[in-house]
Amino acid sequence: MNNYIAGQWQRSTAVDVFPVTNPATGEELARTPLSSAAEVDTAVKAAAAAFPDWRRVPVTDRIQYLFKLKALLDTHFEDISRTITLECGKTLAESRGEMRRAIENVEVACGAPIMMQGYNSEDIARGIDEIMIRQPLGVVAIIAPFNFPGMIPFWFLPYALVTGNTVVLKPSERVPLTMQKVFALIETIGLPPGVINLVNGGRDVVNAVLDHPVVKAVSFVGSTAVAKHVYSRATASGKRAQCQGGAKNPVVVLPDADIVSASEIIADSAFGCAGQRCLATSMAFVVGEARKSFVDAIREKATTRVTGYGLNDGVAMGPVISPASRKRVETLIEQAVRDGARALVDGRRPTIPGFPNGNFVAPTIIEDLPFTSEVASTEIFGPVLSVHYVDDIDAAIARVNTGTYGNQASLFTSSGANARRFKNEVDVGNVGINIGVAAPMAFFPFSGARESFFGDLHGQGRDSFEFYTKKKVVVERWPKAWSRTF
């Protein structure tokens, strides 16, 4: 496993390594070097050296590199998708969906010639014109999580490059192989050395990035605890920061919902990617008469969902990322039961034929979990759905808005009036109406609120062009007396 600095693959000088294992088989796939602050400094200096020339490359030329990258990602789509499944554990279908979203961000970033335009006003006073132009920031950094090793770096990377910045990227040490393959493709598109750099590592690399005086902006996705650390440390040194944190996403099911459709969609949201995504449904607030029909339907979806190796046909859910994650999820289920909940479907310690060493937790549904339980407010990040019963939509909205997080909330109903009220009143960044995973398209921002996001501008779309550029206003006057005639 190598770093990529100044246009060259470089072996890390790190002594310590992090083992990368297949979550389904337990097989060691590679070892991630835990690079040092000195290696981060080398990468940042390479990016800084490349910046003056790169920012002067016309935006119409910069997008040509992205066109080439998009074509390569399409060509190697299947290989990269399989790599995601090998190191992350999700099903191949989920990995393919992830890569399709990554490619969509490259496509949107190719709109930079329009999206980077400023604006102007002629004669703001007699003979005086005023214009606003956008300019790149300089060296920017991306710190990516383990759960979407292909997609999430592309929430940021193409936008940072196309706006004229140079980049240092740190993938998660748990899943470095996907970006190794992506950077091998990037190496072939002819970017000037130092424009894009990759440094593998863990906490020390993160802190070195946050403290480096040359780094102007940081993009991060991960847990809320780490998001707070990244945001506070980055902004304390004057950097821009956009930090996506954790989630505890609720869904509200009204009696007038199509229960068959709703249960299918909610099951996909709660159990897809083994619950390891920031838009996974974690809590279902079932209103009134929907109780029995929904519980029967969601129980059937959970018990029939096939858990196994993500590369095998017919598998609908893979393992969680590590033995530690599996233990944590199982411990939280046990705590919920101790606190008075009942496991309607218990996914602890499933038997997966042929994969005794995998980190498997099957779909789990818990009922009657007290809101006073710590589990009710904890991001489990596993395939666990708690079901709660409320009297009306007022109580449901109140529960949504009293939660710690604000990443997503969804409503299932056939009432347009209730849907309109819900989307206007819930305090979250992403809202789904009869949608279980309200994942924004690449030309919309991936939003978030409260403890789920720290910053002002989000990843993707217009927000990215705003985040990665600074505005400069020019007021100019050219009196005739100063003009020379040639």
Protein backbone atom coordinates (compact mmCIF):
# COMPACT_ATOMS: atom_id res chain seq x y z
CA MET A 1 0.00 0.00 0.00
CA ASN A 2 1.64 3.23 -1.18
CA ASN A 3 1.05 6.95 -0.92
CA TYR A 4 0.74 9.04 -4.07
CA ILE A 5 2.65 12.31 -3.81
CA ALA A 6 3.82 14.75 -6.50
CA GLY A 7 2.73 12.44 -9.29
CA GLN A 8 4.58 9.38 -7.99
CA TRP A 9 3.77 6.34 -5.90
CA GLN A 10 5.86 6.38 -2.75
CA ARG A 11 6.38 3.74 -0.11
CA SER A 12 5.51 5.10 3.31
CA THR A 13 8.21 5.33 5.93
CA ALA A 14 5.68 4.27 8.58
CA VAL A 15 6.57 1.44 10.93
CA ASP A 16 3.03 0.84 12.15
CA VAL A 17 0.40 -0.64 9.84
CA PHE A 18 -3.34 -1.30 10.00
CA PRO A 19 -4.55 -4.70 8.71
CA VAL A 20 -7.21 -4.53 5.99
CA THR A 21 -9.48 -7.57 6.14
CA ASN A 22 -12.40 -8.86 4.11
CA PRO A 23 -15.34 -8.40 6.52
CA ALA A 24 -17.08 -11.51 5.22
CA THR A 25 -14.18 -13.95 5.27
CA GLY A 26 -11.71 -12.51 7.77
CA GLU A 27 -8.97 -12.80 5.14
CA GLU A 28 -6.25 -10.16 5.29
CA LEU A 29 -6.23 -8.23 2.02
CA ALA A 30 -3.50 -5.67 2.67
CA ARG A 31 -1.89 -3.50 5.30
CA THR A 32 -2.34 0.24 5.48
CA PRO A 33 0.74 2.22 6.49
CA LEU A 34 0.00 4.69 9.26
CA SER A 35 1.91 7.54 7.70
CA SER A 36 3.56 10.30 9.69
CA ALA A 37 3.03 14.04 9.93
CA ALA A 38 6.24 14.46 7.93
CA GLU A 39 4.67 12.56 5.02
CA VAL A 40 1.61 14.78 5.21
CA ASP A 41 3.92 17.79 5.06
CA THR A 42 5.60 16.38 1.94
CA ALA A 43 2.21 15.93 0.26
CA VAL A 44 1.01 19.40 1.24
CA LYS A 45 4.22 20.98 -0.06
CA ALA A 46 3.80 19.12 -3.35
CA ALA A 47 0.22 20.39 -3.61
CA ALA A 48 1.31 23.93 -2.73
CA ALA A 49 4.04 23.85 -5.38
CA ALA A 50 1.54 22.70 -8.01
CA PHE A 51 -1.12 25.26 -7.12
CA PRO A 52 0.18 28.43 -8.84
CA ASP A 53 0.25 26.82 -12.27
CA TRP A 54 -2.89 24.68 -11.78
CA ARG A 55 -5.05 27.66 -10.82
CA ARG A 56 -4.05 29.34 -14.10
CA VAL A 57 -5.19 26.41 -16.22
CA PRO A 58 -8.41 27.57 -17.91
CA VAL A 59 -11.49 25.93 -16.43
CA THR A 60 -12.41 24.66 -19.90
CA ASP A 61 -9.13 22.75 -19.88
CA ARG A 62 -9.48 21.53 -16.30
CA ILE A 63 -12.76 19.81 -17.09
CA GLN A 64 -11.03 17.80 -19.83
CA TYR A 65 -9.21 15.87 -17.11
CA LEU A 66 -12.55 15.05 -15.52
CA PHE A 67 -13.97 13.88 -18.82
CA LYS A 68 -11.05 11.47 -19.07
CA LEU A 69 -11.54 10.32 -15.49
CA LYS A 70 -15.24 9.76 -16.02
CA ALA A 71 -14.52 7.53 -19.01
CA LEU A 72 -11.97 5.52 -17.02
CA LEU A 73 -14.33 5.08 -14.10
CA ASP A 74 -16.96 3.77 -16.51
CA THR A 75 -14.47 1.37 -18.07
CA HIS A 76 -13.26 0.04 -14.71
CA PHE A 77 -16.65 0.26 -13.05
CA GLU A 78 -17.01 -3.44 -12.30
CA ASP A 79 -13.48 -3.91 -10.99
CA ILE A 80 -13.76 -0.98 -8.58
CA SER A 81 -17.21 -2.11 -7.45
CA ARG A 82 -15.89 -5.57 -6.61
CA THR A 83 -13.02 -4.01 -4.69
CA ILE A 84 -15.51 -2.06 -2.57
CA THR A 85 -17.34 -5.27 -1.73
CA LEU A 86 -14.11 -7.07 -0.88
CA GLU A 87 -12.88 -4.50 1.61
CA CYS A 88 -16.14 -2.91 2.81
CA GLY A 89 -18.49 -5.91 2.84
CA LYS A 90 -21.57 -4.51 1.11
CA THR A 91 -23.27 -6.40 -1.68
CA LEU A 92 -22.03 -6.02 -5.23
CA ALA A 93 -25.29 -4.31 -6.20
CA GLU A 94 -24.75 -1.76 -3.42
CA SER A 95 -21.15 -1.21 -4.52
CA ARG A 96 -22.28 -0.63 -8.07
CA GLY A 97 -24.83 1.91 -6.86
CA GLU A 98 -22.11 3.66 -4.87
CA MET A 99 -19.83 3.97 -7.88
CA ARG A 100 -22.65 5.24 -10.06
CA ARG A 101 -23.15 8.09 -7.57
CA ALA A 102 -19.41 8.79 -7.60
CA ILE A 103 -19.42 9.09 -11.39
CA GLU A 104 -22.45 11.40 -11.27
CA ASN A 105 -20.43 13.84 -9.17
CA VAL A 106 -17.68 13.88 -11.79
CA GLU A 107 -20.32 14.66 -14.40
CA VAL A 108 -21.79 17.54 -12.36
CA ALA A 109 -18.33 18.99 -11.69
CA CYS A 110 -17.83 19.20 -15.45
CA GLY A 111 -20.34 22.06 -15.38
CA ALA A 112 -17.69 24.27 -13.78
CA PRO A 113 -17.44 26.75 -16.70
CA ILE A 114 -20.97 27.87 -15.80
CA MET A 115 -20.97 27.15 -12.07
CA MET A 116 -17.81 29.19 -11.47
CA GLN A 117 -19.15 32.30 -13.15
CA GLY A 118 -19.30 35.48 -11.11
CA TYR A 119 -21.48 38.50 -11.84
CA ASN A 120 -21.11 42.17 -12.61
CA SER A 121 -22.90 45.51 -12.59
CA GLU A 122 -22.00 48.29 -14.98
CA ASP A 123 -22.07 51.91 -13.81
CA ILE A 124 -22.72 51.38 -10.11
CA ALA A 125 -21.72 55.03 -10.12
CA ARG A 126 -20.95 57.14 -13.16
CA GLY A 127 -18.03 55.50 -14.96
CA ILE A 128 -17.50 52.84 -12.26
CA ASP A 129 -18.10 49.11 -12.77
CA GLU A 130 -18.17 46.34 -10.17
CA ILE A 131 -17.57 42.62 -10.66
CA MET A 132 -17.41 39.52 -8.49
CA ILE A 133 -15.04 36.74 -9.50
CA ARG A 134 -14.40 33.31 -7.99
CA GLN A 135 -10.89 32.10 -7.27
CA PRO A 136 -9.57 28.82 -5.83
CA LEU A 137 -8.52 28.57 -2.18
CA GLY A 138 -5.22 26.72 -2.56
CA VAL A 139 -4.42 23.35 -0.97
CA VAL A 140 -7.50 21.52 0.33
CA ALA A 141 -7.84 18.22 2.17
CA ILE A 142 -10.39 15.40 2.13
CA ILE A 143 -10.77 12.92 5.00
CA ALA A 144 -13.00 10.03 3.92
CA PRO A 145 -14.85 7.33 5.93
CA PHE A 146 -14.93 3.55 5.55
CA ASN A 147 -18.57 2.99 4.62
CA PHE A 148 -18.51 4.48 1.10
CA PRO A 149 -14.87 4.28 -0.03
CA GLY A 150 -15.75 4.95 -3.65
CA MET A 151 -18.53 7.53 -3.46
CA ILE A 152 -17.81 9.92 -0.62
CA PRO A 153 -14.37 11.09 -1.83
CA PHE A 154 -16.17 12.12 -5.01
CA TRP A 155 -18.56 14.37 -3.09
CA PHE A 156 -15.51 16.65 -2.89
CA LEU A 157 -12.62 15.62 -5.13
CA PRO A 158 -13.87 16.59 -8.63
CA TYR A 159 -15.20 19.95 -7.41
CA ALA A 160 -11.98 20.82 -5.60
CA LEU A 161 -9.91 20.03 -8.70
CA VAL A 162 -12.10 21.70 -11.28
CA THR A 163 -12.27 24.95 -9.29
CA GLY A 164 -8.48 25.17 -9.42
CA ASN A 165 -7.44 23.83 -6.02
CA THR A 166 -4.85 21.17 -5.34
CA VAL A 167 -5.78 18.23 -3.13
CA VAL A 168 -4.52 15.92 -0.38
CA LEU A 169 -6.82 12.96 0.22
CA LYS A 170 -6.77 10.57 3.18
CA PRO A 171 -8.94 7.47 2.72
CA SER A 172 -10.04 5.43 5.70
CA GLU A 173 -7.27 3.10 6.83
CA ARG A 174 -9.90 0.36 6.96
CA VAL A 175 -10.68 0.50 3.23
CA PRO A 176 -7.73 1.93 1.29
CA LEU A 177 -7.85 -0.38 -1.73
CA THR A 178 -10.63 1.42 -3.59
CA MET A 179 -8.73 4.72 -3.71
CA GLN A 180 -5.54 2.87 -4.67
CA LYS A 181 -7.36 1.74 -7.82
CA VAL A 182 -8.94 5.14 -8.42
CA PHE A 183 -5.58 6.89 -8.10
CA ALA A 184 -4.01 4.40 -10.48
CA LEU A 185 -6.57 5.63 -13.02
CA ILE A 186 -5.99 9.27 -12.11
CA GLU A 187 -2.29 8.76 -12.71
CA THR A 188 -3.03 8.05 -16.39
CA ILE A 189 -5.07 11.19 -17.18
CA GLY A 190 -2.06 13.51 -17.19
CA LEU A 191 -2.65 15.83 -14.26
CA PRO A 192 0.42 17.90 -13.39
CA PRO A 193 2.45 16.40 -10.51
CA GLY A 194 1.24 17.51 -7.10
CA VAL A 195 -2.25 18.55 -8.16
CA ILE A 196 -3.69 15.51 -6.41
CA ASN A 197 -2.04 13.52 -3.62
CA LEU A 198 -2.96 10.56 -1.43
CA VAL A 199 -1.64 9.88 2.07
CA ASN A 200 -2.66 6.73 3.92
CA GLY A 201 -2.88 6.74 7.68
CA GLY A 202 -4.93 7.22 10.80
CA ARG A 203 -5.34 9.79 13.55
CA ASP A 204 -1.86 11.29 13.17
CA VAL A 205 -2.44 12.02 9.49
CA VAL A 206 -5.79 13.66 10.28
CA ASN A 207 -4.31 15.91 12.94
CA ALA A 208 -1.33 16.80 10.76
CA VAL A 209 -3.75 17.90 8.02
CA LEU A 210 -5.83 19.93 10.48
CA ASP A 211 -2.80 21.70 11.90
CA HIS A 212 -0.93 22.33 8.66
CA PRO A 213 -0.81 26.08 7.98
CA VAL A 214 -0.87 25.66 4.18
CA VAL A 215 -4.10 23.64 4.07
CA LYS A 216 -6.96 26.07 3.48
CA ALA A 217 -10.04 23.82 3.72
CA VAL A 218 -11.04 20.41 5.03
CA SER A 219 -13.91 18.14 3.97
CA PHE A 220 -14.82 15.29 6.33
CA VAL A 221 -17.41 12.56 6.74
CA GLY A 222 -17.55 10.30 9.80
CA SER A 223 -18.95 10.02 13.30
CA THR A 224 -20.23 13.06 15.16
CA ALA A 225 -17.51 12.82 17.78
CA VAL A 226 -14.77 12.96 15.16
CA ALA A 227 -16.66 15.55 13.09
CA LYS A 228 -16.66 17.87 16.10
CA HIS A 229 -12.93 17.31 16.57
CA VAL A 230 -12.16 17.97 12.91
CA TYR A 231 -14.39 21.04 12.73
CA SER A 232 -13.13 22.66 15.91
CA ARG A 233 -9.46 21.97 15.20
CA ALA A 234 -9.67 23.03 11.55
CA THR A 235 -11.57 26.25 12.19
CA ALA A 236 -9.32 27.12 15.14
CA SER A 237 -6.48 27.42 12.64
CA GLY A 238 -8.56 29.49 10.23
CA LYS A 239 -9.54 26.78 7.77
CA ARG A 240 -12.85 26.33 6.06
CA ALA A 241 -14.49 23.07 7.15
CA GLN A 242 -17.48 20.99 6.16
CA CYS A 243 -17.96 18.03 8.50
CA GLN A 244 -20.71 15.47 8.08
CA GLY A 245 -21.41 13.63 11.34
CA GLY A 246 -23.55 10.77 12.58
CA ALA A 247 -27.26 10.07 12.38
CA LYS A 248 -30.22 8.38 14.02
CA ASN A 249 -32.70 8.62 11.19
CA PRO A 250 -36.43 8.32 11.97
CA VAL A 251 -39.23 7.26 9.68
CA VAL A 252 -42.90 8.00 10.37
CA VAL A 253 -45.57 5.60 9.10
CA LEU A 254 -49.12 6.95 8.98
CA PRO A 255 -52.24 4.74 8.87
CA ASP A 256 -52.97 5.83 5.28
CA ALA A 257 -49.57 4.64 4.00
CA ASP A 258 -49.24 1.79 1.52
CA ILE A 259 -47.89 -0.66 4.11
CA VAL A 260 -46.65 -3.23 1.61
CA SER A 261 -44.58 -0.68 -0.26
CA ALA A 262 -43.53 1.16 2.90
CA SER A 263 -42.24 -1.97 4.64
CA GLU A 264 -40.18 -2.94 1.59
CA ILE A 265 -38.64 0.52 1.28
CA ILE A 266 -38.00 0.90 5.02
CA ALA A 267 -36.38 -2.54 5.20
CA ASP A 268 -34.02 -1.57 2.39
CA SER A 269 -33.18 1.64 4.22
CA ALA A 270 -32.65 0.03 7.64
CA PHE A 271 -30.79 -3.08 6.50
CA GLY A 272 -29.14 -2.06 3.23
CA CYS A 273 -25.35 -1.72 3.49
CA ALA A 274 -25.78 -3.56 6.83
CA GLY A 275 -27.10 -0.31 8.28
CA GLN A 276 -23.68 1.31 7.83
CA ARG A 277 -24.74 4.45 6.05
CA CYS A 278 -25.60 7.87 7.33
CA LEU A 279 -29.06 7.75 5.70
CA ALA A 280 -30.07 4.36 7.14
CA THR A 281 -33.41 4.32 8.92
CA SER A 282 -32.87 3.56 12.61
CA MET A 283 -36.23 4.31 14.24
CA ALA A 284 -39.79 3.80 12.99
CA PHE A 285 -42.56 5.89 14.57
CA VAL A 286 -45.76 4.05 13.72
CA VAL A 287 -48.94 6.08 14.09
CA GLY A 288 -52.22 4.67 15.36
CA GLU A 289 -53.86 1.96 13.31
CA ALA A 290 -50.75 1.29 11.23
CA ARG A 291 -49.25 -0.64 14.15
CA LYS A 292 -50.20 -4.25 13.49
CA SER A 293 -50.00 -4.24 9.69
CA PHE A 294 -46.63 -2.50 9.65
CA VAL A 295 -45.04 -4.68 12.32
CA ASP A 296 -46.17 -7.86 10.60
CA ALA A 297 -44.85 -6.62 7.25
CA ILE A 298 -41.47 -5.33 8.49
CA ARG A 299 -40.88 -8.52 10.52
CA GLU A 300 -41.41 -10.58 7.37
CA LYS A 301 -38.97 -8.38 5.42
CA ALA A 302 -36.32 -8.75 8.12
CA THR A 303 -36.61 -12.51 8.56
CA THR A 304 -36.50 -13.24 4.82
CA ARG A 305 -33.60 -10.93 3.96
CA VAL A 306 -30.62 -13.05 2.95
CA THR A 307 -27.40 -12.18 4.81
CA GLY A 308 -24.07 -13.40 3.45
CA TYR A 309 -21.05 -12.71 1.28
CA GLY A 310 -21.69 -9.67 -0.88
CA LEU A 311 -20.21 -11.22 -4.03
CA ASN A 312 -22.61 -14.18 -3.94
CA ASP A 313 -25.84 -14.15 -5.93
CA GLY A 314 -29.02 -13.73 -3.96
CA VAL A 315 -27.39 -12.02 -0.99
CA ALA A 316 -29.21 -8.85 0.09
CA MET A 317 -27.03 -7.80 3.03
CA GLY A 318 -23.36 -8.23 3.89
CA PRO A 319 -21.39 -8.03 7.14
CA VAL A 320 -20.47 -5.03 9.24
CA ILE A 321 -16.95 -3.73 8.81
CA SER A 322 -15.05 -5.38 11.68
CA PRO A 323 -15.27 -7.75 14.66
CA ALA A 324 -15.28 -4.69 16.92
CA SER A 325 -18.26 -3.24 15.04
CA ARG A 326 -20.13 -6.54 15.27
CA LYS A 327 -19.49 -6.71 18.99
CA ARG A 328 -20.61 -3.12 19.47
CA VAL A 329 -23.87 -3.69 17.58
CA GLU A 330 -24.62 -6.88 19.52
CA THR A 331 -23.82 -5.16 22.81
CA LEU A 332 -26.26 -2.34 22.02
CA ILE A 333 -28.99 -4.87 21.18
CA GLU A 334 -28.32 -6.62 24.50
CA GLN A 335 -28.48 -3.30 26.32
CA ALA A 336 -31.79 -2.47 24.65
CA VAL A 337 -33.25 -5.76 25.88
CA ARG A 338 -31.94 -5.09 29.40
CA ASP A 339 -33.60 -1.66 29.25
CA GLY A 340 -37.00 -3.23 28.56
CA ALA A 341 -37.10 -3.67 24.77
CA ARG A 342 -38.13 -6.88 23.05
CA ALA A 343 -36.28 -8.33 20.07
CA LEU A 344 -39.00 -9.06 17.51
CA VAL A 345 -36.28 -10.25 15.16
CA ASP A 346 -32.92 -11.03 16.74
CA GLY A 347 -29.96 -10.92 14.36
CA ARG A 348 -27.21 -11.58 16.87
CA ARG A 349 -24.65 -14.27 16.07
CA PRO A 350 -26.23 -15.65 12.87
CA THR A 351 -24.84 -18.75 11.21
CA ILE A 352 -23.68 -18.00 7.66
CA PRO A 353 -22.70 -21.32 5.99
CA GLY A 354 -19.17 -21.18 4.62
CA PHE A 355 -18.24 -17.93 6.39
CA PRO A 356 -17.54 -18.67 10.05
CA ASN A 357 -15.10 -15.75 10.37
CA GLY A 358 -17.34 -13.04 8.97
CA ASN A 359 -18.57 -10.01 10.89
CA PHE A 360 -22.23 -10.81 10.37
CA VAL A 361 -25.21 -9.35 12.19
CA ALA A 362 -28.55 -10.26 10.63
CA PRO A 363 -31.46 -7.79 10.41
CA THR A 364 -32.78 -6.96 13.84
CA ILE A 365 -36.04 -5.33 14.97
CA ILE A 366 -36.58 -4.20 18.55
CA GLU A 367 -39.88 -3.08 20.03
CA ASP A 368 -40.86 -1.15 23.16
CA LEU A 369 -37.44 0.47 23.53
CA PRO A 370 -37.84 3.19 26.18
CA PHE A 371 -36.89 6.65 24.97
CA THR A 372 -34.92 6.97 28.19
CA SER A 373 -32.61 4.16 27.07
CA GLU A 374 -29.22 5.26 25.84
CA VAL A 375 -29.74 3.00 22.84
CA ALA A 376 -32.66 5.19 21.70
CA SER A 377 -30.28 8.10 21.12
CA THR A 378 -27.15 6.18 20.06
CA GLU A 379 -26.14 5.75 16.42
CA ILE A 380 -25.89 1.96 16.21
CA PHE A 381 -24.49 1.89 12.66
CA GLY A 382 -25.70 -1.63 12.10
CA PRO A 383 -28.81 -3.40 10.75
CA VAL A 384 -31.03 -2.58 13.72
CA LEU A 385 -34.47 -0.93 13.55
CA SER A 386 -36.38 0.11 16.67
CA VAL A 387 -40.17 0.40 16.34
CA HIS A 388 -42.09 2.92 18.45
CA TYR A 389 -45.80 3.66 18.65
CA VAL A 390 -47.28 7.16 18.78
CA ASP A 391 -50.84 8.48 18.65
CA ASP A 392 -50.67 11.03 15.86
CA ILE A 393 -48.43 12.95 13.50
CA ASP A 394 -47.98 15.72 16.08
CA ALA A 395 -46.31 13.30 18.46
CA ALA A 396 -44.22 11.85 15.63
CA ILE A 397 -42.89 15.24 14.51
CA ALA A 398 -42.12 16.15 18.10
CA ARG A 399 -40.09 12.95 18.48
CA VAL A 400 -38.21 13.64 15.25
CA ASN A 401 -37.29 17.13 16.40
CA THR A 402 -36.17 16.17 19.90
CA GLY A 403 -33.50 13.80 18.63
CA THR A 404 -29.83 14.68 18.81
CA TYR A 405 -29.18 14.24 15.11
CA GLY A 406 -30.72 15.85 12.04
CA ASN A 407 -29.50 14.01 8.98
CA GLN A 408 -32.71 12.56 7.52
CA ALA A 409 -36.35 11.92 8.34
CA SER A 410 -38.92 10.16 6.17
CA LEU A 411 -42.71 10.01 6.09
CA PHE A 412 -44.91 7.34 4.53
CA THR A 413 -48.42 8.56 3.75
CA SER A 414 -50.95 9.11 0.99
CA SER A 415 -51.88 12.53 2.37
CA GLY A 416 -50.42 15.51 0.58
CA ALA A 417 -51.36 17.79 3.46
CA ASN A 418 -49.47 15.69 6.00
CA ALA A 419 -46.52 15.38 3.64
CA ARG A 420 -46.36 19.14 3.20
CA ARG A 421 -46.54 19.73 6.93
CA PHE A 422 -43.89 17.12 7.65
CA LYS A 423 -41.32 18.43 5.19
CA ASN A 424 -41.81 21.99 6.47
CA GLU A 425 -41.65 21.22 10.20
CA VAL A 426 -39.03 18.50 10.71
CA ASP A 427 -35.61 19.84 11.68
CA VAL A 428 -33.40 17.70 9.45
CA GLY A 429 -31.26 18.24 6.38
CA ASN A 430 -32.72 15.58 4.09
CA VAL A 431 -36.42 14.66 3.93
CA GLY A 432 -37.98 11.62 2.28
CA ILE A 433 -41.67 11.42 1.39
CA ASN A 434 -42.44 7.77 0.66
CA ILE A 435 -38.67 7.46 0.22
CA GLY A 436 -36.50 5.46 2.63
CA VAL A 437 -33.08 6.76 1.62
CA ALA A 438 -33.38 10.42 0.64
CA ALA A 439 -29.93 10.55 -0.93
CA PRO A 440 -29.57 13.78 -2.91
CA MET A 441 -28.50 13.62 -6.53
CA ALA A 442 -25.05 14.99 -7.27
CA PHE A 443 -26.46 18.36 -8.33
CA PHE A 444 -28.09 18.87 -4.91
CA PRO A 445 -26.21 19.34 -1.61
CA PHE A 446 -25.96 16.44 0.84
CA SER A 447 -27.50 18.32 3.71
CA GLY A 448 -27.63 17.79 7.46
CA ALA A 449 -28.63 19.59 10.65
CA ARG A 450 -27.92 19.71 14.37
CA GLU A 451 -25.34 17.08 15.43
CA SER A 452 -25.24 15.61 11.91
CA PHE A 453 -23.40 18.48 10.24
CA PHE A 454 -20.88 21.14 11.22
CA GLY A 455 -20.27 23.97 8.81
CA ASP A 456 -22.21 26.12 6.37
CA LEU A 457 -21.71 24.62 2.92
CA HIS A 458 -22.32 20.95 2.16
CA GLY A 459 -20.82 18.44 -0.23
CA GLN A 460 -21.96 18.10 -3.86
CA GLY A 461 -23.50 20.50 -6.34
CA ARG A 462 -23.63 24.27 -5.98
CA ASP A 463 -22.45 24.13 -2.38
CA SER A 464 -19.19 22.56 -3.50
CA PHE A 465 -18.47 25.36 -5.96
CA GLU A 466 -19.13 27.84 -3.14
CA PHE A 467 -17.01 25.94 -0.62
CA TYR A 468 -13.97 25.53 -2.85
CA THR A 469 -13.83 29.11 -4.12
CA LYS A 470 -13.39 32.49 -2.53
CA LYS A 471 -15.24 35.52 -3.82
CA LYS A 472 -13.31 38.60 -4.83
CA VAL A 473 -15.08 41.87 -5.62
CA VAL A 474 -13.41 44.35 -7.97
CA VAL A 475 -14.56 47.97 -8.28
CA GLU A 476 -12.89 49.77 -11.17
CA ARG A 477 -12.90 53.12 -12.93
CA TRP A 478 -11.00 54.17 -16.07
CA PRO A 479 -11.21 57.94 -16.54
CA LYS A 480 -10.64 59.09 -20.08
CA ALA A 481 -7.84 61.36 -18.94
CA TRP A 482 -5.86 58.29 -17.86
CA SER A 483 -6.27 56.49 -21.18
CA ARG A 484 -3.53 56.49 -23.74
CA THR A 485 -4.17 56.55 -27.44
CA PHE A 486 -2.11 54.12 -29.51
